[in-house]
Amino acid sequence: MSSPWFLLVIAGLLEIVWATSMKASDGFTKIGPSALTAVAAFASFWLLAAAMKDLPLGTAYAVWVGIGVVGAALTGMILFGDGATAQRLAGIGLIIAGIATLKLA
């Protein structure tokens, strides 16, 4: 069986995939991105649940959400032209610091 941390990281990366494909689906009006959203979301939740068998709830959920938030914010900046202001980048840095603190605690 894979490490729960490995499963959690993959689940977080899949959260980025489904959030990005949801944006690309244009309100679920495009079949390909809509299907990818559903598949990635299911896989992300399934892997999160598997990781939570061995990891504390608060830590696992915070890490999963944090990976998704940071990844989606950066993907939005890169692919969709979302603003990359100093404040937004500082916020991303604070999220990463919070995730690291929870992992170490």
PDB file of N, CA and C in Angstrom:
ATOM      1  N   MET A   1       0.847  -1.193   0.000  1.00  0.00           N
ATOM      2  CA  MET A   1       0.000   0.000   0.000  1.00  0.00           C
ATOM      3  C   MET A   1       0.885   1.246   0.000  1.00  0.00           C
ATOM      4  N   SER A   2       0.446   2.249  -0.695  1.00  0.00           N
ATOM      5  CA  SER A   2       1.208   3.490  -0.799  1.00  0.00           C
ATOM      6  C   SER A   2       1.143   4.287   0.501  1.00  0.00           C
ATOM      7  N   SER A   3       2.129   5.127   0.671  1.00  0.00           N
ATOM      8  CA  SER A   3       2.175   6.007   1.826  1.00  0.00           C
ATOM      9  C   SER A   3       0.954   6.931   1.830  1.00  0.00           C
ATOM     10  N   PRO A   4       0.370   7.171   3.002  1.00  0.00           N
ATOM     11  CA  PRO A   4      -0.778   8.080   3.054  1.00  0.00           C
ATOM     12  C   PRO A   4      -0.412   9.495   2.595  1.00  0.00           C
ATOM     13  N   TRP A   5       0.831   9.914   2.825  1.00  0.00           N
ATOM     14  CA  TRP A   5       1.245  11.247   2.380  1.00  0.00           C
ATOM     15  C   TRP A   5       1.312  11.315   0.861  1.00  0.00           C
ATOM     16  N   PHE A   6       1.780  10.250   0.239  1.00  0.00           N
ATOM     17  CA  PHE A   6       1.816  10.194  -1.227  1.00  0.00           C
ATOM     18  C   PHE A   6       0.395  10.269  -1.784  1.00  0.00           C
ATOM     19  N   LEU A   7      -0.509   9.490  -1.201  1.00  0.00           N
ATOM     20  CA  LEU A   7      -1.910   9.519  -1.640  1.00  0.00           C
ATOM     21  C   LEU A   7      -2.501  10.915  -1.479  1.00  0.00           C
ATOM     22  N   LEU A   8      -2.162  11.560  -0.368  1.00  0.00           N
ATOM     23  CA  LEU A   8      -2.694  12.894  -0.099  1.00  0.00           C
ATOM     24  C   LEU A   8      -2.182  13.916  -1.112  1.00  0.00           C
ATOM     25  N   VAL A   9      -0.918  13.836  -1.458  1.00  0.00           N
ATOM     26  CA  VAL A   9      -0.359  14.767  -2.450  1.00  0.00           C
ATOM     27  C   VAL A   9      -1.019  14.546  -3.810  1.00  0.00           C
ATOM     28  N   ILE A  10      -1.188  13.289  -4.206  1.00  0.00           N
ATOM     29  CA  ILE A  10      -1.859  13.011  -5.486  1.00  0.00           C
ATOM     30  C   ILE A  10      -3.301  13.520  -5.439  1.00  0.00           C
ATOM     31  N   ALA A  11      -3.981  13.324  -4.316  1.00  0.00           N
ATOM     32  CA  ALA A  11      -5.353  13.832  -4.166  1.00  0.00           C
ATOM     33  C   ALA A  11      -5.379  15.349  -4.318  1.00  0.00           C
ATOM     34  N   GLY A  12      -4.404  16.036  -3.723  1.00  0.00           N
ATOM     35  CA  GLY A  12      -4.332  17.496  -3.842  1.00  0.00           C
ATOM     36  C   GLY A  12      -4.072  17.937  -5.270  1.00  0.00           C
ATOM     37  N   LEU A  13      -3.186  17.222  -5.962  1.00  0.00           N
ATOM     38  CA  LEU A  13      -2.916  17.562  -7.366  1.00  0.00           C
ATOM     39  C   LEU A  13      -4.160  17.348  -8.231  1.00  0.00           C
ATOM     40  N   LEU A  14      -4.911  16.299  -7.925  1.00  0.00           N
ATOM     41  CA  LEU A  14      -6.165  16.067  -8.657  1.00  0.00           C
ATOM     42  C   LEU A  14      -7.203  17.137  -8.347  1.00  0.00           C
ATOM     43  N   GLU A  15      -7.120  17.710  -7.155  1.00  0.00           N
ATOM     44  CA  GLU A  15      -8.019  18.830  -6.844  1.00  0.00           C
ATOM     45  C   GLU A  15      -7.724  20.014  -7.769  1.00  0.00           C
ATOM     46  N   ILE A  16      -6.453  20.246  -8.045  1.00  0.00           N
ATOM     47  CA  ILE A  16      -6.082  21.306  -8.995  1.00  0.00           C
ATOM     48  C   ILE A  16      -6.642  20.989 -10.373  1.00  0.00           C
ATOM     49  N   VAL A  17      -6.549  19.722 -10.775  1.00  0.00           N
ATOM     50  CA  VAL A  17      -7.063  19.309 -12.089  1.00  0.00           C
ATOM     51  C   VAL A  17      -8.557  19.564 -12.181  1.00  0.00           C
ATOM     52  N   TRP A  18      -9.311  19.136 -11.162  1.00  0.00           N
ATOM     53  CA  TRP A  18     -10.766  19.309 -11.298  1.00  0.00           C
ATOM     54  C   TRP A  18     -11.183  20.770 -11.195  1.00  0.00           C
ATOM     55  N   ALA A  19     -10.493  21.553 -10.393  1.00  0.00           N
ATOM     56  CA  ALA A  19     -10.841  22.972 -10.320  1.00  0.00           C
ATOM     57  C   ALA A  19     -10.541  23.671 -11.647  1.00  0.00           C
ATOM     58  N   THR A  20      -9.402  23.342 -12.239  1.00  0.00           N
ATOM     59  CA  THR A  20      -9.018  23.944 -13.511  1.00  0.00           C
ATOM     60  C   THR A  20      -9.943  23.496 -14.633  1.00  0.00           C
ATOM     61  N   SER A  21     -10.257  22.204 -14.667  1.00  0.00           N
ATOM     62  CA  SER A  21     -11.142  21.719 -15.727  1.00  0.00           C
ATOM     63  C   SER A  21     -12.565  22.241 -15.541  1.00  0.00           C
ATOM     64  N   MET A  22     -12.959  22.501 -14.295  1.00  0.00           N
ATOM     65  CA  MET A  22     -14.280  23.095 -14.068  1.00  0.00           C
ATOM     66  C   MET A  22     -14.338  24.496 -14.674  1.00  0.00           C
ATOM     67  N   LYS A  23     -13.277  25.265 -14.484  1.00  0.00           N
ATOM     68  CA  LYS A  23     -13.216  26.599 -15.096  1.00  0.00           C
ATOM     69  C   LYS A  23     -13.251  26.472 -16.619  1.00  0.00           C
ATOM     70  N   ALA A  24     -12.480  25.520 -17.158  1.00  0.00           N
ATOM     71  CA  ALA A  24     -12.414  25.326 -18.609  1.00  0.00           C
ATOM     72  C   ALA A  24     -13.723  24.774 -19.179  1.00  0.00           C
ATOM     73  N   SER A  25     -14.564  24.175 -18.330  1.00  0.00           N
ATOM     74  CA  SER A  25     -15.819  23.596 -18.817  1.00  0.00           C
ATOM     75  C   SER A  25     -16.856  24.655 -19.177  1.00  0.00           C
ATOM     76  N   ASP A  26     -16.579  25.901 -18.815  1.00  0.00           N
ATOM     77  CA  ASP A  26     -17.495  27.012 -19.121  1.00  0.00           C
ATOM     78  C   ASP A  26     -18.891  26.726 -18.586  1.00  0.00           C
ATOM     79  N   GLY A  27     -18.939  26.461 -17.271  1.00  0.00           N
ATOM     80  CA  GLY A  27     -20.235  26.196 -16.638  1.00  0.00           C
ATOM     81  C   GLY A  27     -20.820  24.855 -17.030  1.00  0.00           C
ATOM     82  N   PHE A  28     -19.961  23.873 -17.225  1.00  0.00           N
ATOM     83  CA  PHE A  28     -20.347  22.511 -17.632  1.00  0.00           C
ATOM     84  C   PHE A  28     -21.041  22.483 -18.991  1.00  0.00           C
ATOM     85  N   THR A  29     -20.662  23.403 -19.866  1.00  0.00           N
ATOM     86  CA  THR A  29     -21.228  23.403 -21.217  1.00  0.00           C
ATOM     87  C   THR A  29     -20.301  22.739 -22.230  1.00  0.00           C
ATOM     88  N   LYS A  30     -19.086  22.389 -21.812  1.00  0.00           N
ATOM     89  CA  LYS A  30     -18.133  21.701 -22.690  1.00  0.00           C
ATOM     90  C   LYS A  30     -17.914  20.293 -22.145  1.00  0.00           C
ATOM     91  N   ILE A  31     -18.190  19.302 -22.985  1.00  0.00           N
ATOM     92  CA  ILE A  31     -18.195  17.901 -22.544  1.00  0.00           C
ATOM     93  C   ILE A  31     -16.839  17.432 -22.008  1.00  0.00           C
ATOM     94  N   GLY A  32     -15.764  17.641 -22.747  1.00  0.00           N
ATOM     95  CA  GLY A  32     -14.452  17.140 -22.340  1.00  0.00           C
ATOM     96  C   GLY A  32     -14.019  17.642 -20.976  1.00  0.00           C
ATOM     97  N   PRO A  33     -13.952  18.952 -20.789  1.00  0.00           N
ATOM     98  CA  PRO A  33     -13.569  19.456 -19.466  1.00  0.00           C
ATOM     99  C   PRO A  33     -14.562  19.079 -18.365  1.00  0.00           C
ATOM    100  N   SER A  34     -15.842  18.971 -18.706  1.00  0.00           N
ATOM    101  CA  SER A  34     -16.840  18.572 -17.711  1.00  0.00           C
ATOM    102  C   SER A  34     -16.601  17.143 -17.245  1.00  0.00           C
ATOM    103  N   ALA A  35     -16.311  16.246 -18.187  1.00  0.00           N
ATOM    104  CA  ALA A  35     -16.021  14.853 -17.834  1.00  0.00           C
ATOM    105  C   ALA A  35     -14.749  14.760 -17.005  1.00  0.00           C
ATOM    106  N   LEU A  36     -13.724  15.508 -17.388  1.00  0.00           N
ATOM    107  CA  LEU A  36     -12.474  15.509 -16.626  1.00  0.00           C
ATOM    108  C   LEU A  36     -12.715  16.012 -15.207  1.00  0.00           C
ATOM    109  N   THR A  37     -13.560  17.011 -15.048  1.00  0.00           N
ATOM    110  CA  THR A  37     -13.895  17.521 -13.718  1.00  0.00           C
ATOM    111  C   THR A  37     -14.465  16.402 -12.854  1.00  0.00           C
ATOM    112  N   ALA A  38     -15.427  15.658 -13.392  1.00  0.00           N
ATOM    113  CA  ALA A  38     -16.078  14.596 -12.619  1.00  0.00           C
ATOM    114  C   ALA A  38     -15.101  13.487 -12.241  1.00  0.00           C
ATOM    115  N   VAL A  39     -14.294  13.060 -13.184  1.00  0.00           N
ATOM    116  CA  VAL A  39     -13.348  11.968 -12.928  1.00  0.00           C
ATOM    117  C   VAL A  39     -12.277  12.402 -11.918  1.00  0.00           C
ATOM    118  N   ALA A  40     -11.710  13.589 -12.119  1.00  0.00           N
ATOM    119  CA  ALA A  40     -10.662  14.067 -11.220  1.00  0.00           C
ATOM    120  C   ALA A  40     -11.215  14.315  -9.816  1.00  0.00           C
ATOM    121  N   ALA A  41     -12.431  14.845  -9.722  1.00  0.00           N
ATOM    122  CA  ALA A  41     -13.032  15.092  -8.404  1.00  0.00           C
ATOM    123  C   ALA A  41     -13.256  13.781  -7.660  1.00  0.00           C
ATOM    124  N   PHE A  42     -13.797  12.787  -8.349  1.00  0.00           N
ATOM    125  CA  PHE A  42     -14.020  11.479  -7.718  1.00  0.00           C
ATOM    126  C   PHE A  42     -12.700  10.888  -7.233  1.00  0.00           C
ATOM    127  N   ALA A  43     -11.690  10.899  -8.103  1.00  0.00           N
ATOM    128  CA  ALA A  43     -10.395  10.320  -7.739  1.00  0.00           C
ATOM    129  C   ALA A  43      -9.758  11.089  -6.578  1.00  0.00           C
ATOM    130  N   SER A  44      -9.885  12.405  -6.586  1.00  0.00           N
ATOM    131  CA  SER A  44      -9.324  13.232  -5.526  1.00  0.00           C
ATOM    132  C   SER A  44      -9.962  12.903  -4.176  1.00  0.00           C
ATOM    133  N   PHE A  45     -11.290  12.822  -4.150  1.00  0.00           N
ATOM    134  CA  PHE A  45     -11.987  12.496  -2.906  1.00  0.00           C
ATOM    135  C   PHE A  45     -11.655  11.082  -2.439  1.00  0.00           C
ATOM    136  N   TRP A  46     -11.570  10.144  -3.368  1.00  0.00           N
ATOM    137  CA  TRP A  46     -11.278   8.757  -3.022  1.00  0.00           C
ATOM    138  C   TRP A  46      -9.888   8.645  -2.394  1.00  0.00           C
ATOM    139  N   LEU A  47      -8.899   9.314  -3.005  1.00  0.00           N
ATOM    140  CA  LEU A  47      -7.538   9.277  -2.463  1.00  0.00           C
ATOM    141  C   LEU A  47      -7.450  10.005  -1.121  1.00  0.00           C
ATOM    142  N   LEU A  48      -8.189  11.105  -0.980  1.00  0.00           N
ATOM    143  CA  LEU A  48      -8.234  11.801   0.309  1.00  0.00           C
ATOM    144  C   LEU A  48      -8.780  10.870   1.383  1.00  0.00           C
ATOM    145  N   ALA A  49      -9.853  10.174   1.077  1.00  0.00           N
ATOM    146  CA  ALA A  49     -10.446   9.244   2.047  1.00  0.00           C
ATOM    147  C   ALA A  49      -9.466   8.135   2.411  1.00  0.00           C
ATOM    148  N   ALA A  50      -8.742   7.629   1.431  1.00  0.00           N
ATOM    149  CA  ALA A  50      -7.757   6.576   1.698  1.00  0.00           C
ATOM    150  C   ALA A  50      -6.638   7.104   2.592  1.00  0.00           C
ATOM    151  N   ALA A  51      -6.177   8.317   2.336  1.00  0.00           N
ATOM    152  CA  ALA A  51      -5.110   8.904   3.153  1.00  0.00           C
ATOM    153  C   ALA A  51      -5.587   9.151   4.576  1.00  0.00           C
ATOM    154  N   MET A  52      -6.866   9.517   4.734  1.00  0.00           N
ATOM    155  CA  MET A  52      -7.413   9.820   6.063  1.00  0.00           C
ATOM    156  C   MET A  52      -7.530   8.590   6.956  1.00  0.00           C
ATOM    157  N   LYS A  53      -7.356   7.401   6.377  1.00  0.00           N
ATOM    158  CA  LYS A  53      -7.349   6.200   7.221  1.00  0.00           C
ATOM    159  C   LYS A  53      -6.188   6.252   8.210  1.00  0.00           C
ATOM    160  N   ASP A  54      -5.082   6.888   7.796  1.00  0.00           N
ATOM    161  CA  ASP A  54      -3.875   6.895   8.610  1.00  0.00           C
ATOM    162  C   ASP A  54      -3.429   8.270   9.088  1.00  0.00           C
ATOM    163  N   LEU A  55      -4.012   9.324   8.562  1.00  0.00           N
ATOM    164  CA  LEU A  55      -3.585  10.682   8.911  1.00  0.00           C
ATOM    165  C   LEU A  55      -4.670  11.384   9.725  1.00  0.00           C
ATOM    166  N   PRO A  56      -4.282  12.329  10.582  1.00  0.00           N
ATOM    167  CA  PRO A  56      -5.282  13.087  11.335  1.00  0.00           C
ATOM    168  C   PRO A  56      -6.188  13.890  10.393  1.00  0.00           C
ATOM    169  N   LEU A  57      -7.447  13.945  10.714  1.00  0.00           N
ATOM    170  CA  LEU A  57      -8.435  14.635   9.897  1.00  0.00           C
ATOM    171  C   LEU A  57      -8.021  16.062   9.568  1.00  0.00           C
ATOM    172  N   GLY A  58      -7.751  16.854  10.596  1.00  0.00           N
ATOM    173  CA  GLY A  58      -7.445  18.269  10.383  1.00  0.00           C
ATOM    174  C   GLY A  58      -6.218  18.484   9.521  1.00  0.00           C
ATOM    175  N   THR A  59      -5.186  17.699   9.742  1.00  0.00           N
ATOM    176  CA  THR A  59      -3.962  17.834   8.961  1.00  0.00           C
ATOM    177  C   THR A  59      -4.202  17.409   7.516  1.00  0.00           C
ATOM    178  N   ALA A  60      -4.810  16.238   7.330  1.00  0.00           N
ATOM    179  CA  ALA A  60      -5.038  15.729   5.977  1.00  0.00           C
ATOM    180  C   ALA A  60      -5.912  16.685   5.170  1.00  0.00           C
ATOM    181  N   TYR A  61      -6.994  17.142   5.760  1.00  0.00           N
ATOM    182  CA  TYR A  61      -7.902  18.027   5.033  1.00  0.00           C
ATOM    183  C   TYR A  61      -7.229  19.361   4.712  1.00  0.00           C
ATOM    184  N   ALA A  62      -6.505  19.912   5.673  1.00  0.00           N
ATOM    185  CA  ALA A  62      -5.828  21.197   5.444  1.00  0.00           C
ATOM    186  C   ALA A  62      -4.766  21.086   4.359  1.00  0.00           C
ATOM    187  N   VAL A  63      -4.005  20.005   4.357  1.00  0.00           N
ATOM    188  CA  VAL A  63      -2.988  19.816   3.331  1.00  0.00           C
ATOM    189  C   VAL A  63      -3.644  19.656   1.971  1.00  0.00           C
ATOM    190  N   TRP A  64      -4.700  18.859   1.887  1.00  0.00           N
ATOM    191  CA  TRP A  64      -5.415  18.630   0.626  1.00  0.00           C
ATOM    192  C   TRP A  64      -5.977  19.937   0.072  1.00  0.00           C
ATOM    193  N   VAL A  65      -6.668  20.677   0.924  1.00  0.00           N
ATOM    194  CA  VAL A  65      -7.241  21.953   0.499  1.00  0.00           C
ATOM    195  C   VAL A  65      -6.132  22.937   0.132  1.00  0.00           C
ATOM    196  N   GLY A  66      -5.075  22.957   0.941  1.00  0.00           N
ATOM    197  CA  GLY A  66      -3.975  23.881   0.678  1.00  0.00           C
ATOM    198  C   GLY A  66      -3.308  23.634  -0.662  1.00  0.00           C
ATOM    199  N   ILE A  67      -3.049  22.365  -0.975  1.00  0.00           N
ATOM    200  CA  ILE A  67      -2.473  22.044  -2.286  1.00  0.00           C
ATOM    201  C   ILE A  67      -3.411  22.532  -3.379  1.00  0.00           C
ATOM    202  N   GLY A  68      -4.697  22.271  -3.210  1.00  0.00           N
ATOM    203  CA  GLY A  68      -5.678  22.699  -4.205  1.00  0.00           C
ATOM    204  C   GLY A  68      -5.763  24.203  -4.351  1.00  0.00           C
ATOM    205  N   VAL A  69      -5.777  24.911  -3.232  1.00  0.00           N
ATOM    206  CA  VAL A  69      -5.897  26.373  -3.266  1.00  0.00           C
ATOM    207  C   VAL A  69      -4.672  26.997  -3.924  1.00  0.00           C
ATOM    208  N   VAL A  70      -3.498  26.594  -3.477  1.00  0.00           N
ATOM    209  CA  VAL A  70      -2.266  27.155  -4.036  1.00  0.00           C
ATOM    210  C   VAL A  70      -2.151  26.801  -5.515  1.00  0.00           C
ATOM    211  N   GLY A  71      -2.396  25.540  -5.845  1.00  0.00           N
ATOM    212  CA  GLY A  71      -2.297  25.115  -7.239  1.00  0.00           C
ATOM    213  C   GLY A  71      -3.314  25.789  -8.137  1.00  0.00           C
ATOM    214  N   ALA A  72      -4.546  25.903  -7.656  1.00  0.00           N
ATOM    215  CA  ALA A  72      -5.579  26.550  -8.462  1.00  0.00           C
ATOM    216  C   ALA A  72      -5.289  28.040  -8.639  1.00  0.00           C
ATOM    217  N   ALA A  73      -4.801  28.675  -7.583  1.00  0.00           N
ATOM    218  CA  ALA A  73      -4.471  30.106  -7.698  1.00  0.00           C
ATOM    219  C   ALA A  73      -3.346  30.323  -8.707  1.00  0.00           C
ATOM    220  N   LEU A  74      -2.307  29.498  -8.630  1.00  0.00           N
ATOM    221  CA  LEU A  74      -1.194  29.638  -9.571  1.00  0.00           C
ATOM    222  C   LEU A  74      -1.617  29.279 -10.997  1.00  0.00           C
ATOM    223  N   THR A  75      -2.428  28.237 -11.133  1.00  0.00           N
ATOM    224  CA  THR A  75      -2.930  27.855 -12.454  1.00  0.00           C
ATOM    225  C   THR A  75      -3.798  28.954 -13.040  1.00  0.00           C
ATOM    226  N   GLY A  76      -4.626  29.571 -12.212  1.00  0.00           N
ATOM    227  CA  GLY A  76      -5.444  30.689 -12.674  1.00  0.00           C
ATOM    228  C   GLY A  76      -4.599  31.837 -13.178  1.00  0.00           C
ATOM    229  N   MET A  77      -3.515  32.106 -12.477  1.00  0.00           N
ATOM    230  CA  MET A  77      -2.611  33.177 -12.909  1.00  0.00           C
ATOM    231  C   MET A  77      -1.938  32.836 -14.234  1.00  0.00           C
ATOM    232  N   ILE A  78      -1.522  31.588 -14.371  1.00  0.00           N
ATOM    233  CA  ILE A  78      -0.773  31.170 -15.564  1.00  0.00           C
ATOM    234  C   ILE A  78      -1.683  30.956 -16.769  1.00  0.00           C
ATOM    235  N   LEU A  79      -2.779  30.232 -16.589  1.00  0.00           N
ATOM    236  CA  LEU A  79      -3.628  29.851 -17.725  1.00  0.00           C
ATOM    237  C   LEU A  79      -4.773  30.800 -18.026  1.00  0.00           C
ATOM    238  N   PHE A  80      -5.295  31.465 -16.995  1.00  0.00           N
ATOM    239  CA  PHE A  80      -6.503  32.255 -17.189  1.00  0.00           C
ATOM    240  C   PHE A  80      -6.297  33.755 -16.962  1.00  0.00           C
ATOM    241  N   GLY A  81      -5.054  34.166 -16.757  1.00  0.00           N
ATOM    242  CA  GLY A  81      -4.762  35.590 -16.619  1.00  0.00           C
ATOM    243  C   GLY A  81      -5.227  36.222 -15.322  1.00  0.00           C
ATOM    244  N   ASP A  82      -5.450  35.403 -14.284  1.00  0.00           N
ATOM    245  CA  ASP A  82      -5.803  35.969 -12.983  1.00  0.00           C
ATOM    246  C   ASP A  82      -4.640  36.826 -12.486  1.00  0.00           C
ATOM    247  N   GLY A  83      -4.935  37.877 -11.782  1.00  0.00           N
ATOM    248  CA  GLY A  83      -3.907  38.796 -11.314  1.00  0.00           C
ATOM    249  C   GLY A  83      -2.873  38.128 -10.405  1.00  0.00           C
ATOM    250  N   ALA A  84      -1.613  38.478 -10.601  1.00  0.00           N
ATOM    251  CA  ALA A  84      -0.523  37.962  -9.774  1.00  0.00           C
ATOM    252  C   ALA A  84       0.059  39.112  -8.964  1.00  0.00           C
ATOM    253  N   THR A  85      -0.774  39.711  -8.130  1.00  0.00           N
ATOM    254  CA  THR A  85      -0.331  40.857  -7.340  1.00  0.00           C
ATOM    255  C   THR A  85       0.529  40.390  -6.169  1.00  0.00           C
ATOM    256  N   ALA A  86       1.243  41.320  -5.591  1.00  0.00           N
ATOM    257  CA  ALA A  86       2.072  41.009  -4.429  1.00  0.00           C
ATOM    258  C   ALA A  86       1.225  40.475  -3.277  1.00  0.00           C
ATOM    259  N   GLN A  87       0.049  41.032  -3.092  1.00  0.00           N
ATOM    260  CA  GLN A  87      -0.835  40.568  -2.015  1.00  0.00           C
ATOM    261  C   GLN A  87      -1.270  39.129  -2.237  1.00  0.00           C
ATOM    262  N   ARG A  88      -1.637  38.799  -3.462  1.00  0.00           N
ATOM    263  CA  ARG A  88      -2.064  37.418  -3.750  1.00  0.00           C
ATOM    264  C   ARG A  88      -0.912  36.443  -3.549  1.00  0.00           C
ATOM    265  N   LEU A  89       0.273  36.817  -4.016  1.00  0.00           N
ATOM    266  CA  LEU A  89       1.436  35.948  -3.854  1.00  0.00           C
ATOM    267  C   LEU A  89       1.821  35.802  -2.387  1.00  0.00           C
ATOM    268  N   ALA A  90       1.675  36.878  -1.614  1.00  0.00           N
ATOM    269  CA  ALA A  90       1.932  36.796  -0.170  1.00  0.00           C
ATOM    270  C   ALA A  90       0.921  35.868   0.496  1.00  0.00           C
ATOM    271  N   GLY A  91      -0.316  35.953   0.080  1.00  0.00           N
ATOM    272  CA  GLY A  91      -1.345  35.062   0.613  1.00  0.00           C
ATOM    273  C   GLY A  91      -1.030  33.607   0.327  1.00  0.00           C
ATOM    274  N   ILE A  92      -0.567  33.332  -0.883  1.00  0.00           N
ATOM    275  CA  ILE A  92      -0.173  31.972  -1.242  1.00  0.00           C
ATOM    276  C   ILE A  92       0.981  31.519  -0.343  1.00  0.00           C
ATOM    277  N   GLY A  93       1.929  32.410  -0.108  1.00  0.00           N
ATOM    278  CA  GLY A  93       3.039  32.087   0.783  1.00  0.00           C
ATOM    279  C   GLY A  93       2.575  31.757   2.195  1.00  0.00           C
ATOM    280  N   LEU A  94       1.590  32.498   2.681  1.00  0.00           N
ATOM    281  CA  LEU A  94       1.052  32.230   4.021  1.00  0.00           C
ATOM    282  C   LEU A  94       0.338  30.882   4.076  1.00  0.00           C
ATOM    283  N   ILE A  95      -0.365  30.534   2.998  1.00  0.00           N
ATOM    284  CA  ILE A  95      -1.037  29.234   2.952  1.00  0.00           C
ATOM    285  C   ILE A  95       0.010  28.114   3.007  1.00  0.00           C
ATOM    286  N   ILE A  96       1.067  28.256   2.224  1.00  0.00           N
ATOM    287  CA  ILE A  96       2.130  27.247   2.223  1.00  0.00           C
ATOM    288  C   ILE A  96       2.756  27.134   3.610  1.00  0.00           C
ATOM    289  N   ALA A  97       2.991  28.272   4.262  1.00  0.00           N
ATOM    290  CA  ALA A  97       3.556  28.242   5.625  1.00  0.00           C
ATOM    291  C   ALA A  97       2.619  27.536   6.594  1.00  0.00           C
ATOM    292  N   GLY A  98       1.343  27.771   6.455  1.00  0.00           N
ATOM    293  CA  GLY A  98       0.366  27.100   7.317  1.00  0.00           C
ATOM    294  C   GLY A  98       0.333  25.604   7.100  1.00  0.00           C
ATOM    295  N   ILE A  99       0.389  25.182   5.847  1.00  0.00           N
ATOM    296  CA  ILE A  99       0.409  23.745   5.542  1.00  0.00           C
ATOM    297  C   ILE A  99       1.652  23.098   6.132  1.00  0.00           C
ATOM    298  N   ALA A 100       2.796  23.734   5.932  1.00  0.00           N
ATOM    299  CA  ALA A 100       4.045  23.189   6.470  1.00  0.00           C
ATOM    300  C   ALA A 100       3.986  23.081   7.989  1.00  0.00           C
ATOM    301  N   THR A 101       3.425  24.078   8.633  1.00  0.00           N
ATOM    302  CA  THR A 101       3.307  24.052  10.093  1.00  0.00           C
ATOM    303  C   THR A 101       2.422  22.898  10.544  1.00  0.00           C
ATOM    304  N   LEU A 102       1.291  22.682   9.880  1.00  0.00           N
ATOM    305  CA  LEU A 102       0.414  21.570  10.245  1.00  0.00           C
ATOM    306  C   LEU A 102       1.095  20.218  10.029  1.00  0.00           C
ATOM    307  N   LYS A 103       1.828  20.112   8.941  1.00  0.00           N
ATOM    308  CA  LYS A 103       2.528  18.843   8.654  1.00  0.00           C
ATOM    309  C   LYS A 103       3.565  18.552   9.727  1.00  0.00           C
ATOM    310  N   LEU A 104       4.265  19.585  10.189  1.00  0.00           N
ATOM    311  CA  LEU A 104       5.316  19.402  11.183  1.00  0.00           C
ATOM    312  C   LEU A 104       4.771  19.192  12.604  1.00  0.00           C
ATOM    313  N   ALA A 105       3.542  19.630  12.836  1.00  0.00           N
ATOM    314  CA  ALA A 105       2.968  19.588  14.184  1.00  0.00           C
ATOM    315  C   ALA A 105       2.578  18.167  14.593  1.00  0.00           C
TER     316      ALA A 105
END
